[in-house]
Structure formats: C-alpha cells, structure tokens
Protein backbone atom coordinates (compact mmCIF):
# COMPACT_ATOMS: atom_id res chain seq x y z
CA MET A 1 -0.12 -0.18 -0.09
CA LYS A 2 1.51 3.36 -1.02
CA SER A 3 -1.88 5.47 0.46
CA SER A 4 -1.02 8.85 1.85
CA ASN A 5 -2.93 11.82 2.39
CA LYS A 6 -2.30 13.21 -1.31
CA ASN A 7 -4.70 9.88 -2.04
CA ILE A 8 -7.42 11.44 0.07
CA TYR A 9 -7.34 14.66 -1.49
CA PHE A 10 -6.85 13.42 -4.85
CA LYS A 11 -10.05 11.31 -4.15
CA GLN A 12 -12.12 14.46 -3.10
CA ILE A 13 -11.10 16.23 -6.03
CA PHE A 14 -11.96 13.32 -8.44
CA GLU A 15 -15.35 13.36 -6.68
CA ALA A 16 -15.92 17.18 -6.96
CA LEU A 17 -15.05 16.76 -10.86
CA GLN A 18 -17.42 14.23 -11.37
CA PHE A 19 -20.13 16.05 -9.51
CA ASN A 20 -19.59 19.37 -11.57
CA LYS A 21 -19.60 16.87 -14.77
CA VAL A 22 -16.16 17.57 -15.65
CA ILE A 23 -15.24 13.89 -15.35
CA VAL A 24 -18.28 12.01 -17.05
CA LYS A 25 -19.61 8.53 -17.86
CA LYS A 26 -19.38 8.77 -22.09
CA HIS A 27 -17.46 7.10 -24.75
CA GLN A 28 -14.94 9.26 -25.79
CA HIS A 29 -16.16 10.47 -29.12
CA LYS A 30 -19.28 11.43 -27.11
CA LEU A 31 -17.20 13.79 -25.01
CA ASP A 32 -18.31 17.65 -24.90
CA GLU A 33 -15.55 20.43 -25.03
CA GLY A 34 -14.33 20.29 -21.24
CA GLU A 35 -15.66 16.96 -20.34
CA TYR A 36 -13.01 14.09 -19.84
CA ASN A 37 -13.96 10.69 -19.10
CA LYS A 38 -11.74 8.42 -16.82
CA ARG A 39 -9.52 7.50 -19.82
CA THR A 40 -9.01 11.08 -21.05
CA PHE A 41 -8.82 12.24 -17.84
CA ALA A 42 -5.91 9.70 -17.19
CA GLN A 43 -4.31 10.98 -20.25
CA LYS A 44 -4.61 14.46 -19.36
CA LEU A 45 -2.64 13.64 -15.98
CA GLY A 46 -0.09 11.97 -18.13
CA THR A 47 -0.77 8.52 -17.17
CA HIS A 48 -3.02 5.59 -18.09
CA SER A 49 -6.34 4.98 -17.24
CA GLY A 50 -5.54 1.86 -14.97
CA VAL A 51 -3.29 4.20 -12.27
CA VAL A 52 -6.50 6.94 -11.38
CA PRO A 53 -8.59 4.06 -9.57
CA ALA A 54 -5.37 2.39 -7.99
CA ILE A 55 -4.84 6.26 -6.51
CA LEU A 56 -8.56 6.13 -5.52
CA SER A 57 -8.19 2.66 -4.09
CA GLY A 58 -4.91 3.74 -2.20
CA ASP A 59 -2.89 1.25 -3.73
CA ARG A 60 -0.64 3.74 -5.74
CA GLY A 61 0.68 7.28 -4.84
CA VAL A 62 0.05 10.68 -6.24
CA THR A 63 3.13 11.31 -8.48
CA GLU A 64 4.73 15.10 -8.90
CA LYS A 65 3.68 14.20 -12.47
CA ILE A 66 -0.23 13.99 -11.50
CA ILE A 67 0.20 16.80 -9.35
CA ASN A 68 1.62 19.42 -11.74
CA ASN A 69 -1.00 18.41 -14.24
CA LEU A 70 -3.93 18.65 -12.10
CA CYS A 71 -3.12 22.15 -11.18
CA ARG A 72 -2.06 22.96 -14.49
CA TYR A 73 -5.21 21.48 -16.57
CA PHE A 74 -8.15 21.50 -13.89
CA ASP A 75 -7.34 24.69 -11.69
CA VAL A 76 -6.52 22.57 -8.48
CA ASN A 77 -5.09 24.55 -5.67
CA GLU A 78 -1.42 23.04 -5.25
CA ALA A 79 -1.71 23.46 -1.30
CA PHE A 80 -4.76 21.45 -1.47
CA ILE A 81 -3.48 18.39 -3.32
CA ARG A 82 -0.21 18.69 -1.15
CA MET A 83 -1.57 19.36 2.37
CA GLY A 84 -5.14 19.78 2.05
CA GLU A 85 -4.89 23.37 2.97
CA GLY A 86 -7.12 26.16 1.56
CA ARG A 87 -9.84 25.78 -1.25
CA MET A 88 -9.76 22.74 -3.66
CA PHE A 89 -9.93 24.55 -6.98
CA ALA A 90 -8.41 27.99 -7.65
CA GLU A 91 -10.81 31.12 -7.29
CA ASN A 92 -11.68 33.03 -10.09
CA GLU A 93 -9.78 31.18 -12.96
CA ALA A 94 -10.99 28.66 -15.49
CA ALA A 95 -10.41 24.94 -15.53
CA ALA A 96 -8.17 25.76 -18.71
CA GLU A 97 -4.60 25.05 -20.01
CA PRO A 98 -2.57 28.17 -18.99
CA SER A 99 0.91 28.57 -20.17
CA PHE A 100 3.56 28.99 -17.57
CA PHE A 101 6.35 29.81 -19.94
CA GLY A 102 5.97 33.88 -19.12
CA ALA A 103 4.69 33.63 -15.53
CA ALA A 104 7.22 35.07 -13.38
CA ASN A 105 6.57 33.18 -10.43
CA ILE A 106 10.48 32.43 -9.13
CA LEU A 107 12.18 34.83 -7.12
CA PHE A 108 15.62 34.97 -7.11
CA SER A 109 17.63 35.85 -4.52
CA ALA A 110 21.19 37.31 -4.74
CA ILE A 111 21.40 35.91 -1.17
CA HIS A 112 23.44 32.94 -1.35
CA ALA A 113 21.82 29.94 0.57
CA THR A 114 24.01 29.81 3.23
CA ALA A 115 24.26 33.06 4.39
CA GLY A 116 21.86 36.64 4.14
CA ASP A 117 19.14 38.08 5.97
CA HIS A 118 16.01 37.30 4.34
CA ILE A 119 14.39 34.44 2.54
CA SER A 120 10.62 35.43 2.85
CA ASP A 121 7.79 36.82 0.63
CA GLU A 122 8.39 40.47 1.88
CA ALA A 123 9.58 43.43 0.10
CA LEU A 124 12.21 42.57 -2.17
CA ALA A 125 15.74 43.52 -2.49
CA GLU A 126 17.11 45.81 -5.32
CA GLU A 127 19.25 42.91 -6.58
CA ASP A 128 16.20 40.14 -6.25
CA ILE A 129 14.82 39.37 -9.66
CA ARG A 130 11.46 37.39 -10.87
CA PHE A 131 11.39 34.68 -13.58
CA GLY A 132 9.61 31.80 -14.67
CA ILE A 133 10.60 28.18 -15.85
CA PRO A 134 8.20 26.01 -17.99
CA GLY A 135 7.05 23.25 -15.65
CA LEU A 136 7.76 24.87 -12.18
CA GLN A 137 4.58 26.22 -10.57
CA GLY A 138 3.47 28.08 -7.65
CA ASN A 139 5.47 30.88 -5.90
CA LEU A 140 9.14 29.47 -5.76
CA PHE A 141 12.12 30.95 -4.37
CA ALA A 142 15.39 30.48 -6.08
CA PHE A 143 19.41 30.41 -4.36
CA ASN A 144 22.76 29.78 -5.88
CA VAL A 145 24.31 27.30 -3.12
CA LYS A 146 27.60 28.56 -1.88
CA GLY A 147 29.84 26.06 0.49
CA ASN A 148 30.28 22.01 0.10
CA SER A 149 27.93 21.01 3.19
CA MET A 150 25.46 19.28 0.44
CA GLU A 151 28.26 17.60 -1.63
CA PRO A 152 27.85 15.98 -3.92
CA LEU A 153 24.19 16.23 -4.02
CA LEU A 154 24.33 19.82 -4.48
CA GLN A 155 27.86 22.04 -5.03
CA GLU A 156 28.39 25.52 -5.00
CA GLY A 157 27.22 27.23 -8.13
CA ASP A 158 24.06 25.14 -7.99
CA MET A 159 20.31 26.82 -8.02
CA VAL A 160 17.81 25.64 -5.97
CA PHE A 161 14.12 26.54 -6.30
CA CYS A 162 12.02 26.28 -2.91
CA ARG A 163 8.37 26.07 -1.87
CA HIS A 164 7.60 27.54 1.68
CA VAL A 165 6.39 24.80 4.37
CA GLU A 166 3.34 25.74 6.03
CA ASN A 167 3.42 23.44 8.94
CA SER A 168 6.40 21.60 10.17
CA LYS A 169 4.34 18.69 10.70
CA TYR A 170 4.87 17.53 6.93
CA LEU A 171 8.40 17.66 7.18
CA ARG A 172 10.73 14.54 5.82
CA ARG A 173 13.80 13.41 6.45
CA ASP A 174 14.87 12.42 3.14
CA GLU A 175 13.63 15.57 1.75
CA ILE A 176 16.01 19.06 1.57
CA TYR A 177 14.96 22.19 2.87
CA ALA A 178 16.32 25.64 2.61
CA VAL A 179 15.65 26.99 6.59
CA TYR A 180 16.32 30.60 7.54
CA ALA A 181 16.81 31.18 10.94
CA GLU A 182 19.41 33.14 13.28
CA GLY A 183 19.83 35.39 10.30
CA GLN A 184 21.28 32.91 8.04
CA VAL A 185 19.81 30.39 5.12
CA ARG A 186 20.99 26.93 4.94
CA ILE A 187 20.18 24.12 2.81
CA LYS A 188 19.88 20.77 5.24
CA TYR A 189 17.74 17.77 5.82
CA ILE A 190 15.93 18.52 8.88
CA GLU A 191 14.77 16.53 11.85
CA MET A 192 12.48 17.89 14.58
CA GLU A 193 13.86 17.04 18.18
CA HIS A 194 11.96 17.77 21.29
CA ASP A 195 13.70 18.53 24.65
CA ALA A 196 12.20 19.29 27.82
CA TYR A 197 11.67 23.19 26.86
CA GLU A 198 11.01 23.51 23.61
CA PRO A 199 11.33 21.74 20.12
CA GLN A 200 14.41 22.18 18.20
CA LEU A 201 15.59 21.19 14.35
CA LYS A 202 18.48 19.39 13.70
CA LEU A 203 19.84 20.63 10.55
CA ILE A 204 21.68 18.00 8.79
CA SER A 205 23.98 18.27 5.72
CA HIS A 206 24.87 15.62 2.93
CA ASN A 207 28.67 15.83 3.88
CA ASP A 208 28.12 15.04 7.48
CA ILE A 209 32.04 14.07 8.06
CA GLU A 210 32.71 17.83 7.34
CA HIS A 211 29.94 19.47 8.70
CA PRO A 212 28.33 18.26 11.80
CA PRO A 213 24.65 18.92 12.80
CA ILE A 214 23.46 22.26 13.52
CA TYR A 215 20.65 23.14 15.95
CA VAL A 216 18.24 25.73 15.70
CA ASN A 217 15.08 26.96 18.19
CA ALA A 218 12.04 26.00 15.86
CA ASN A 219 10.11 28.92 17.49
CA GLN A 220 12.33 31.73 17.07
CA GLY A 221 11.15 32.98 13.50
CA VAL A 222 12.28 30.16 11.56
CA LYS A 223 11.02 29.72 8.20
CA ILE A 224 11.38 26.43 5.82
CA TYR A 225 11.35 25.98 2.33
CA GLN A 226 11.41 22.62 0.38
CA VAL A 227 13.95 22.40 -2.16
CA VAL A 228 11.64 21.12 -5.36
CA HIS A 229 14.08 21.22 -8.16
CA PHE A 230 17.16 22.21 -8.89
CA LEU A 231 19.63 23.51 -11.56
CA THR A 232 23.42 21.79 -11.69
CA ASP A 233 25.84 24.39 -12.55
CA MET A 234 27.69 22.10 -14.78
CA GLY A 235 30.42 24.95 -15.75
CA ASN A 236 31.78 25.05 -12.37
CA ARG A 237 31.77 21.20 -12.16
CA LEU A 238 33.34 20.01 -15.28
CA GLY A 239 35.92 23.01 -14.45
CA LEU A 240 34.95 25.54 -17.05
CA LEU A 241 34.43 28.89 -15.23
C-alpha cells in the first residue's frame, strides 16, 4: 500500500470533478468540450487509465507529474492536493490550460543559500529578480548554493528552487530544505527534536563528515522551504568557469 493524505485529497478532487460534470460517463467520441471520461482524464494527467482507480483505492501514490497536471489543467489549488489546505480549486480562474512559460512566479535572491538576512515573501531587495521556468509552478524562491555541506548532491554554484512549508508536521527526513534561522539561510536535511523546554530543528548536511549537525530553536522566527528542484552549475562542475 502506498496510500497517503495525497490519495485522500486526490479522491476528493476526483469526486468534485464528477459532481461538476467535468468527469463524465461517456465514450470518448461523445465527449463535449471540457468533459473527460476516466480514460481521457488519466491521459490529461500524463498516465494511463489503470492508475487513477489505483490511486483512488490507495494502492498507488500521487506522483509529482500528476500533481502538476492537476494544477495546470484542472485549476486545482496546489496547497490542497499536497496538504489539504485552502480551497480545492483556485478562485476566479477557468479550468483551462494556462501557459507557464512567461509566468514570473520564481523569486531569485542574490543572497546565497548559506548566509543572508532574508528568505521571505516580504519586500524585495533591489538585486532580487523574478522569472519563470516551464514546468515549475507556484510561488517559489531560488538561490545559488555556496559551500560544500551538501556535496556531492548539491555543489557550489548550483541553483535551488524552494516552496514555503506552512506546517512543520509535513517535514520528511529524506527531503532537502532551505531553512532561514538566526539570520542565515542553510540548505539541509531536517529532523524535529523535542527537549525538556522547546522543539529544536536538527539541520543535517549531506556531507556530514565535514559538517556536523546544527541545532536551532524551532520557535524563533524560523522559516522552512522545501527544495523542489535544482539546476546544476555544469560550468563549475566541469572546471570550465
């Protein structure tokens, strides 16, 4: 069984699309514009028809590809399918096929991911810019990595793309996060620990031989962002720059 909360949210979305007559019981040649049967719905999600019932029954997990296509083609609120938060569908937008090629949804910060004075959605610094990359949706933050604490997975000069984590209960030990704490931004794995007084975040490096864990108070203005994608600085890795 690969069932998770995402399966539950997927089922709720599927049932809502059925209720709204987006998913209907029709043969493909009888479908009206904006209608899907189970087969064409699966095709729109980039998978085959057997996957959808497997997700609904909890036998298969919801993949990143399916999440992206749900958000892109069916106007699903990404926070809902991931965490069950907010409205199921985005407000005041048609469930169409928007293009994300020109969407400036990524905020790049000139602050390196190992030190800096902000990683937030507050006022932008003059050196910060916004841009978009096809396939990367939602409000994201981008940073250049500095240092070797996450080698060989991430190296200096790589760019990471991060999404804000609203609730620390969704942290996973095998995911990488950007953590803003104590005036610094660090790219690490995270474990939540509880002592006698207050919760602590244990920040763990991939290169843990050279970089021992760092502990920060989880209640002291900490902001956490999940690394959802990264671009390799091949010029530096190949010694060309």
